[in-house]
N, C-alpha and C. Protein backbone atom coordinates (compact mmCIF):
# COMPACT_ATOMS: atom_id res chain seq x y z
N GLY A 1 0.82 -1.19 0.00
CA GLY A 1 0.00 0.00 0.00
C GLY A 1 0.85 1.23 0.00
N GLY A 2 0.24 2.29 0.38
CA GLY A 2 0.92 3.57 0.41
C GLY A 2 0.43 4.50 -0.68
N THR A 3 0.97 5.67 -0.65
CA THR A 3 0.55 6.69 -1.61
C THR A 3 1.65 6.95 -2.62
N ASP A 4 1.26 7.44 -3.78
CA ASP A 4 2.23 7.68 -4.85
C ASP A 4 3.10 8.90 -4.58
N ALA A 5 2.54 9.90 -3.90
CA ALA A 5 3.30 11.13 -3.67
C ALA A 5 2.87 11.78 -2.36
N ILE A 6 3.83 12.39 -1.68
CA ILE A 6 3.56 13.15 -0.46
C ILE A 6 4.26 14.49 -0.59
N LEU A 7 3.53 15.55 -0.30
CA LEU A 7 4.09 16.90 -0.25
C LEU A 7 4.34 17.21 1.22
N ALA A 8 5.60 17.28 1.61
CA ALA A 8 5.97 17.46 3.02
C ALA A 8 6.20 18.94 3.31
N THR A 9 5.35 19.50 4.18
CA THR A 9 5.43 20.92 4.51
C THR A 9 5.84 21.16 5.96
N ALA A 10 5.99 20.12 6.74
CA ALA A 10 6.27 20.26 8.18
C ALA A 10 7.64 20.90 8.40
N PRO A 11 7.75 21.81 9.37
CA PRO A 11 9.06 22.38 9.69
C PRO A 11 9.83 21.49 10.66
N SER A 12 9.80 20.19 10.43
CA SER A 12 10.43 19.23 11.32
C SER A 12 10.99 18.06 10.53
N GLY A 13 12.31 17.90 10.56
CA GLY A 13 12.93 16.76 9.89
C GLY A 13 12.45 15.45 10.46
N LYS A 14 12.28 15.39 11.77
CA LYS A 14 11.80 14.17 12.43
C LYS A 14 10.42 13.79 11.90
N ALA A 15 9.52 14.77 11.79
CA ALA A 15 8.17 14.49 11.30
C ALA A 15 8.19 14.04 9.85
N MET A 16 9.05 14.65 9.04
CA MET A 16 9.10 14.29 7.62
C MET A 16 9.77 12.92 7.41
N SER A 17 10.67 12.54 8.29
CA SER A 17 11.37 11.26 8.14
C SER A 17 10.41 10.08 8.08
N GLY A 18 9.39 10.11 8.91
CA GLY A 18 8.43 9.00 8.95
C GLY A 18 7.54 8.91 7.73
N LEU A 19 7.50 9.95 6.92
CA LEU A 19 6.62 9.94 5.75
C LEU A 19 7.06 8.95 4.68
N VAL A 20 8.34 8.66 4.61
CA VAL A 20 8.85 7.75 3.59
C VAL A 20 8.16 6.39 3.69
N ASN A 21 7.87 5.94 4.91
CA ASN A 21 7.21 4.65 5.08
C ASN A 21 5.77 4.65 4.58
N GLY A 22 5.21 5.82 4.32
CA GLY A 22 3.85 5.92 3.80
C GLY A 22 3.78 5.92 2.29
N LEU A 23 4.93 5.80 1.64
CA LEU A 23 4.96 5.81 0.19
C LEU A 23 4.76 4.43 -0.41
N ALA A 24 4.11 4.40 -1.55
CA ALA A 24 3.99 3.17 -2.33
C ALA A 24 5.33 2.90 -3.01
N VAL A 25 5.49 1.74 -3.61
CA VAL A 25 6.68 1.44 -4.40
C VAL A 25 6.78 2.50 -5.50
N ARG A 26 7.96 3.03 -5.67
CA ARG A 26 8.24 4.13 -6.61
C ARG A 26 7.57 5.44 -6.21
N GLY A 27 7.17 5.55 -4.94
CA GLY A 27 6.55 6.78 -4.46
C GLY A 27 7.56 7.91 -4.32
N LYS A 28 7.05 9.11 -4.35
CA LYS A 28 7.89 10.30 -4.30
C LYS A 28 7.53 11.17 -3.10
N LEU A 29 8.56 11.66 -2.40
CA LEU A 29 8.39 12.59 -1.30
C LEU A 29 9.00 13.91 -1.74
N LEU A 30 8.15 14.96 -1.85
CA LEU A 30 8.62 16.29 -2.22
C LEU A 30 8.63 17.15 -0.97
N VAL A 31 9.81 17.60 -0.58
CA VAL A 31 9.99 18.37 0.65
C VAL A 31 10.02 19.86 0.31
N ILE A 32 9.05 20.61 0.90
CA ILE A 32 9.06 22.06 0.74
C ILE A 32 9.14 22.76 2.09
N GLY A 33 9.03 22.00 3.18
CA GLY A 33 9.18 22.56 4.52
C GLY A 33 10.65 22.59 4.90
N ILE A 34 11.09 23.67 5.48
CA ILE A 34 12.49 23.79 5.89
C ILE A 34 12.58 23.56 7.39
N ALA A 35 13.34 22.56 7.77
CA ALA A 35 13.45 22.17 9.18
C ALA A 35 14.85 22.44 9.71
N ALA A 36 14.92 22.71 10.99
CA ALA A 36 16.22 22.92 11.64
C ALA A 36 16.94 21.59 11.87
N ASP A 37 16.17 20.53 12.08
CA ASP A 37 16.76 19.22 12.33
C ASP A 37 16.80 18.40 11.04
N PRO A 38 17.74 17.45 10.92
CA PRO A 38 17.87 16.68 9.68
C PRO A 38 16.80 15.59 9.56
N MET A 39 16.56 15.19 8.32
CA MET A 39 15.71 14.03 8.07
C MET A 39 16.58 12.79 8.20
N GLU A 40 16.00 11.72 8.74
CA GLU A 40 16.71 10.44 8.82
C GLU A 40 15.87 9.42 8.07
N VAL A 41 16.47 8.79 7.08
CA VAL A 41 15.74 7.86 6.22
C VAL A 41 16.51 6.56 6.11
N SER A 42 15.81 5.45 6.21
CA SER A 42 16.41 4.13 6.05
C SER A 42 16.83 3.92 4.59
N THR A 43 18.08 3.56 4.38
CA THR A 43 18.51 3.30 3.01
C THR A 43 17.79 2.09 2.42
N GLY A 44 17.43 1.14 3.28
CA GLY A 44 16.67 -0.02 2.79
C GLY A 44 15.32 0.38 2.23
N SER A 45 14.68 1.32 2.91
CA SER A 45 13.39 1.82 2.43
C SER A 45 13.54 2.47 1.06
N LEU A 46 14.60 3.26 0.90
CA LEU A 46 14.82 3.92 -0.39
C LEU A 46 15.11 2.91 -1.49
N VAL A 47 16.00 1.96 -1.20
CA VAL A 47 16.42 1.00 -2.22
C VAL A 47 15.30 0.02 -2.58
N PHE A 48 14.74 -0.64 -1.57
CA PHE A 48 13.73 -1.66 -1.86
C PHE A 48 12.39 -1.06 -2.25
N GLY A 49 12.08 0.13 -1.76
CA GLY A 49 10.83 0.79 -2.13
C GLY A 49 10.97 1.62 -3.39
N MET A 50 12.22 1.77 -3.87
CA MET A 50 12.51 2.60 -5.04
C MET A 50 11.91 3.99 -4.89
N HIS A 51 12.01 4.54 -3.67
CA HIS A 51 11.44 5.85 -3.37
C HIS A 51 12.35 6.97 -3.85
N THR A 52 11.74 8.11 -4.11
CA THR A 52 12.47 9.31 -4.49
C THR A 52 12.15 10.41 -3.50
N ILE A 53 13.19 11.11 -3.04
CA ILE A 53 13.01 12.26 -2.17
C ILE A 53 13.65 13.45 -2.87
N SER A 54 12.90 14.53 -2.98
CA SER A 54 13.45 15.74 -3.58
C SER A 54 12.92 16.96 -2.85
N GLY A 55 13.57 18.08 -3.06
CA GLY A 55 13.17 19.32 -2.43
C GLY A 55 12.90 20.38 -3.47
N SER A 56 12.10 21.37 -3.08
CA SER A 56 11.77 22.43 -4.02
C SER A 56 11.27 23.65 -3.27
N THR A 57 11.40 24.80 -3.89
CA THR A 57 10.73 25.98 -3.37
C THR A 57 9.26 25.87 -3.75
N THR A 58 8.43 26.67 -3.16
CA THR A 58 6.99 26.50 -3.36
C THR A 58 6.47 27.04 -4.67
N GLY A 59 7.19 27.88 -5.35
CA GLY A 59 6.75 28.33 -6.67
C GLY A 59 6.16 29.73 -6.68
N SER A 60 5.60 30.06 -7.82
CA SER A 60 5.08 31.40 -8.07
C SER A 60 3.58 31.49 -7.76
N VAL A 61 3.05 32.68 -7.86
CA VAL A 61 1.61 32.88 -7.66
C VAL A 61 0.84 32.07 -8.70
N GLN A 62 1.31 32.05 -9.94
CA GLN A 62 0.66 31.26 -11.01
C GLN A 62 0.65 29.77 -10.63
N ASP A 63 1.76 29.27 -10.09
CA ASP A 63 1.82 27.87 -9.65
C ASP A 63 0.77 27.60 -8.58
N GLU A 64 0.64 28.51 -7.63
CA GLU A 64 -0.33 28.34 -6.54
C GLU A 64 -1.76 28.35 -7.08
N GLN A 65 -2.06 29.23 -8.04
CA GLN A 65 -3.40 29.28 -8.63
C GLN A 65 -3.71 27.98 -9.36
N GLU A 66 -2.74 27.45 -10.08
CA GLU A 66 -2.94 26.18 -10.80
C GLU A 66 -3.12 25.03 -9.81
N THR A 67 -2.39 25.06 -8.71
CA THR A 67 -2.51 24.01 -7.69
C THR A 67 -3.90 24.03 -7.07
N ILE A 68 -4.40 25.21 -6.75
CA ILE A 68 -5.74 25.33 -6.17
C ILE A 68 -6.79 24.86 -7.17
N ALA A 69 -6.64 25.24 -8.43
CA ALA A 69 -7.59 24.81 -9.47
C ALA A 69 -7.59 23.29 -9.60
N PHE A 70 -6.39 22.68 -9.58
CA PHE A 70 -6.28 21.23 -9.68
C PHE A 70 -6.92 20.55 -8.48
N SER A 71 -6.64 21.07 -7.27
CA SER A 71 -7.19 20.44 -6.06
C SER A 71 -8.71 20.53 -6.05
N THR A 72 -9.25 21.62 -6.57
CA THR A 72 -10.71 21.76 -6.65
C THR A 72 -11.27 20.76 -7.65
N LEU A 73 -10.63 20.65 -8.79
CA LEU A 73 -11.07 19.74 -9.85
C LEU A 73 -11.05 18.28 -9.39
N GLU A 74 -10.03 17.92 -8.62
CA GLU A 74 -9.85 16.52 -8.20
C GLU A 74 -10.34 16.24 -6.78
N ASN A 75 -11.02 17.23 -6.15
CA ASN A 75 -11.53 17.08 -4.79
C ASN A 75 -10.45 16.72 -3.77
N VAL A 76 -9.28 17.33 -3.91
CA VAL A 76 -8.19 17.13 -2.96
C VAL A 76 -8.43 18.02 -1.76
N GLU A 77 -8.36 17.44 -0.57
CA GLU A 77 -8.56 18.21 0.66
C GLU A 77 -7.31 18.13 1.53
N PRO A 78 -6.96 19.22 2.20
CA PRO A 78 -5.77 19.20 3.05
C PRO A 78 -6.01 18.37 4.31
N MET A 79 -4.93 17.82 4.84
CA MET A 79 -4.99 17.11 6.10
C MET A 79 -4.45 18.05 7.16
N VAL A 80 -5.35 18.60 7.99
CA VAL A 80 -4.96 19.61 8.97
C VAL A 80 -5.56 19.30 10.33
N GLU A 81 -4.95 19.87 11.33
CA GLU A 81 -5.47 19.80 12.70
C GLU A 81 -6.06 21.19 12.99
N ILE A 82 -7.33 21.25 13.34
CA ILE A 82 -8.00 22.53 13.57
C ILE A 82 -8.10 22.81 15.07
N MET A 83 -7.68 24.03 15.44
CA MET A 83 -7.77 24.45 16.84
C MET A 83 -8.35 25.85 16.88
N SER A 84 -9.04 26.17 17.97
CA SER A 84 -9.63 27.50 18.10
C SER A 84 -8.53 28.53 18.38
N LEU A 85 -8.81 29.76 18.00
CA LEU A 85 -7.85 30.84 18.17
C LEU A 85 -7.44 31.02 19.64
N SER A 86 -8.34 30.74 20.54
CA SER A 86 -8.01 30.87 21.96
C SER A 86 -6.95 29.84 22.40
N LYS A 87 -6.70 28.84 21.58
CA LYS A 87 -5.68 27.83 21.88
C LYS A 87 -4.43 28.04 21.02
N ALA A 88 -4.23 29.27 20.56
CA ALA A 88 -3.08 29.56 19.69
C ALA A 88 -1.76 29.19 20.35
N ARG A 89 -1.63 29.47 21.63
CA ARG A 89 -0.39 29.15 22.34
C ARG A 89 -0.14 27.65 22.34
N GLU A 90 -1.20 26.88 22.62
CA GLU A 90 -1.09 25.43 22.60
C GLU A 90 -0.72 24.93 21.20
N ALA A 91 -1.33 25.52 20.19
CA ALA A 91 -1.04 25.14 18.80
C ALA A 91 0.43 25.42 18.47
N TYR A 92 0.91 26.58 18.89
CA TYR A 92 2.31 26.94 18.65
C TYR A 92 3.25 25.96 19.35
N ASP A 93 2.95 25.64 20.59
CA ASP A 93 3.78 24.70 21.34
C ASP A 93 3.78 23.33 20.69
N ARG A 94 2.62 22.87 20.20
CA ARG A 94 2.54 21.57 19.51
C ARG A 94 3.42 21.57 18.26
N MET A 95 3.37 22.70 17.54
CA MET A 95 4.18 22.81 16.33
C MET A 95 5.67 22.78 16.68
N MET A 96 6.08 23.55 17.67
CA MET A 96 7.49 23.62 18.03
C MET A 96 8.01 22.30 18.61
N ASP A 97 7.12 21.51 19.22
CA ASP A 97 7.49 20.20 19.76
C ASP A 97 7.33 19.09 18.74
N ALA A 98 7.01 19.44 17.50
CA ALA A 98 6.79 18.48 16.40
C ALA A 98 5.69 17.48 16.75
N LYS A 99 4.67 17.93 17.49
CA LYS A 99 3.55 17.07 17.85
C LYS A 99 2.31 17.36 17.02
N ALA A 100 2.34 18.45 16.24
CA ALA A 100 1.19 18.80 15.40
C ALA A 100 1.08 17.78 14.28
N ARG A 101 -0.13 17.38 13.99
CA ARG A 101 -0.37 16.43 12.90
C ARG A 101 -0.56 17.25 11.63
N PHE A 102 0.39 17.18 10.73
CA PHE A 102 0.40 17.96 9.49
C PHE A 102 0.48 19.45 9.84
N ARG A 103 -0.53 20.22 9.53
CA ARG A 103 -0.56 21.66 9.82
C ARG A 103 -1.64 21.93 10.85
N VAL A 104 -1.41 22.96 11.69
CA VAL A 104 -2.44 23.39 12.62
C VAL A 104 -3.07 24.64 12.02
N VAL A 105 -4.38 24.63 11.88
CA VAL A 105 -5.13 25.76 11.36
C VAL A 105 -5.94 26.34 12.50
N LEU A 106 -5.76 27.65 12.73
CA LEU A 106 -6.50 28.33 13.79
C LEU A 106 -7.79 28.90 13.22
N VAL A 107 -8.90 28.68 13.93
CA VAL A 107 -10.20 29.21 13.51
C VAL A 107 -10.75 30.07 14.64
N PRO A 108 -11.61 31.03 14.31
CA PRO A 108 -12.19 31.87 15.36
C PRO A 108 -12.93 31.03 16.38
N ASP A 109 -12.93 31.49 17.62
CA ASP A 109 -13.70 30.81 18.67
C ASP A 109 -15.17 30.91 18.36
N ALA A 110 -15.92 29.87 18.68
CA ALA A 110 -17.38 29.88 18.49
C ALA A 110 -17.99 30.94 19.41
N SER A 111 -18.93 31.70 18.86
CA SER A 111 -19.57 32.73 19.71
C SER A 111 -21.01 32.43 19.96
């Protein structure tokens, strides 16, 4: 099993390291998140899974517009953790401790 491609945006090398195991055979991991800590990847996973890891900048405004259009067309939804704005400090701490699942999105508190 696994997925054909993963776009890694986490600012954590440790969090991105585990993503390789989620790839299908010949799967690709594209890293656009810049982390202070290094990624650690099993060479066996790369060799036997024939995985590819590459990095890239995020692109231009035109690239972003095309990406949004594609995601709308294909019903692609982001995988995010949603927290209320009143928990912004907790969200920040989770991110800095590499405990956030994917991205944390802050939403206004219910009134």
